[in-house]
Amino acid sequence: MSSRDPMRPAGVFRQDVQSMHAYAIQPSAGMVKLDAMENPHRLPPELQEELGRRLGALALNRYPGERTNQLREALAAHAGMPAGFDIMLGNGSDELISLIAMACDVPGAAILAPVPGFVMYAMSAQLQGLKFIGVPLTADFELDEEAMLNAIAEQLPAVIYIAYPNNPTANLWDDAVVEKIVEAAPGLVVIDEAYQPFSSRSYIDRIARHDHVLLMRTMSKFGLAGVRIGYMMGPKALIEQVDKVRPPYNVSVLNCEAALFALGHQDVFAAQAQDIRNQRTVIQAVLQAVPGVKSWPSDANMILVRVPDAQKTFDAMKSHGVLVKNVSKMHPLLANCLRLTVGTAAENAQMLAALQASL
């Protein structure tokens, strides 16, 4: 007989973890995939060959080294990072969000964000054992200024997330309200610009006014979702503290080199982003004429729509070979809402046809 503790294996896991659900990825084989806000464009064949040669020549037997710092410098230049600021890298923005929760896990700390919003803000807080405070948006998905300011005054959150634009609602919020929130914050404010390539505004021009604001971006929406590179800029004193909890070598040499390669061909990716913005306009115009569908303005590569029956429409679109995201159960404000990713012209035509056939 074993002398080990008779505790069943499951008993070693935290109770809150056991009650959670893992992040679900929808099967998409053989479908028009418009559920995850990915750039639909692939690299041109000649760039695929060039990238393959660069990746094949890497020293995969060595840990990542100085090349990572070169990527930091290239991203700082690409973003127009202010003088005196610093930049750190993450394995996607998800890792940066987790590192912020870890670094700010002091007794009584809380994380606050408008809801509905990016699920990782709440999940990172929960995994770190922090309190998450979700402040509902208005019915039209605008910031509730009074509710936000009251929650900040009452809860004194260590971290406030402002997605700019927001996911899944795709809209930019009123800058005057955003500034009031930033000024009222007792701790850090993280401006999450994941969808910056498709947005009409950026906070980068205002970040230098504050010593408590971090600006987070990702190369996923730039066109490299599979490469998993997130980056965060802010005052050196703040970045230094968060960087202390970053795992060593968190960005692989393959990811790093692919990102540097992409930054060397920014014109290609800028043209792709412009095409996506143009296609977004086409989709929005069509949606305006579809009976029974309400859509909201978008500054991202997705469009939020409300239909009479989200589950029925989602299932029917899937039967037509088009996969979108049913967000109707994420929050009461999203009742009967679907999130449509902007794809290529051909994909969007298929998506709109499937939507209209499924209502």
Foldseek 3Di string as FASTA:
>chain_A
DDPDDPDDPVVVDDPVVVPDDDDDDDDAPQFLEWADQFLQDDDDPVLVVVLVVVLVPDPQVDFDDCLLVVLQVLVCVVVVADPQKGKDKALAVLRLLLLVLVLQPDPLAEEEEEPPFDPSNVVSCVVSVHHYHYHYDPLQRERPLVSLLVCCVVRLHQEYEDEQPTPPAQDGYDPVSVVVNVVSHPHAYEYEDAFVLQAPDDCSVPQVVDQRYKYKYACRNLRCVVLRMIMIMHRPVVCVSSVVPDDPSNHGPSSSSVSVSCSVVSVVSSVSSVQLNVQVVVLVVVQVPQPQKDWHDHSGQKIKIAHPAQVQLQVQLVVLRHHHARCCPVDVSNNRMTIGGRYHPVSSVSSVVSNSVRD
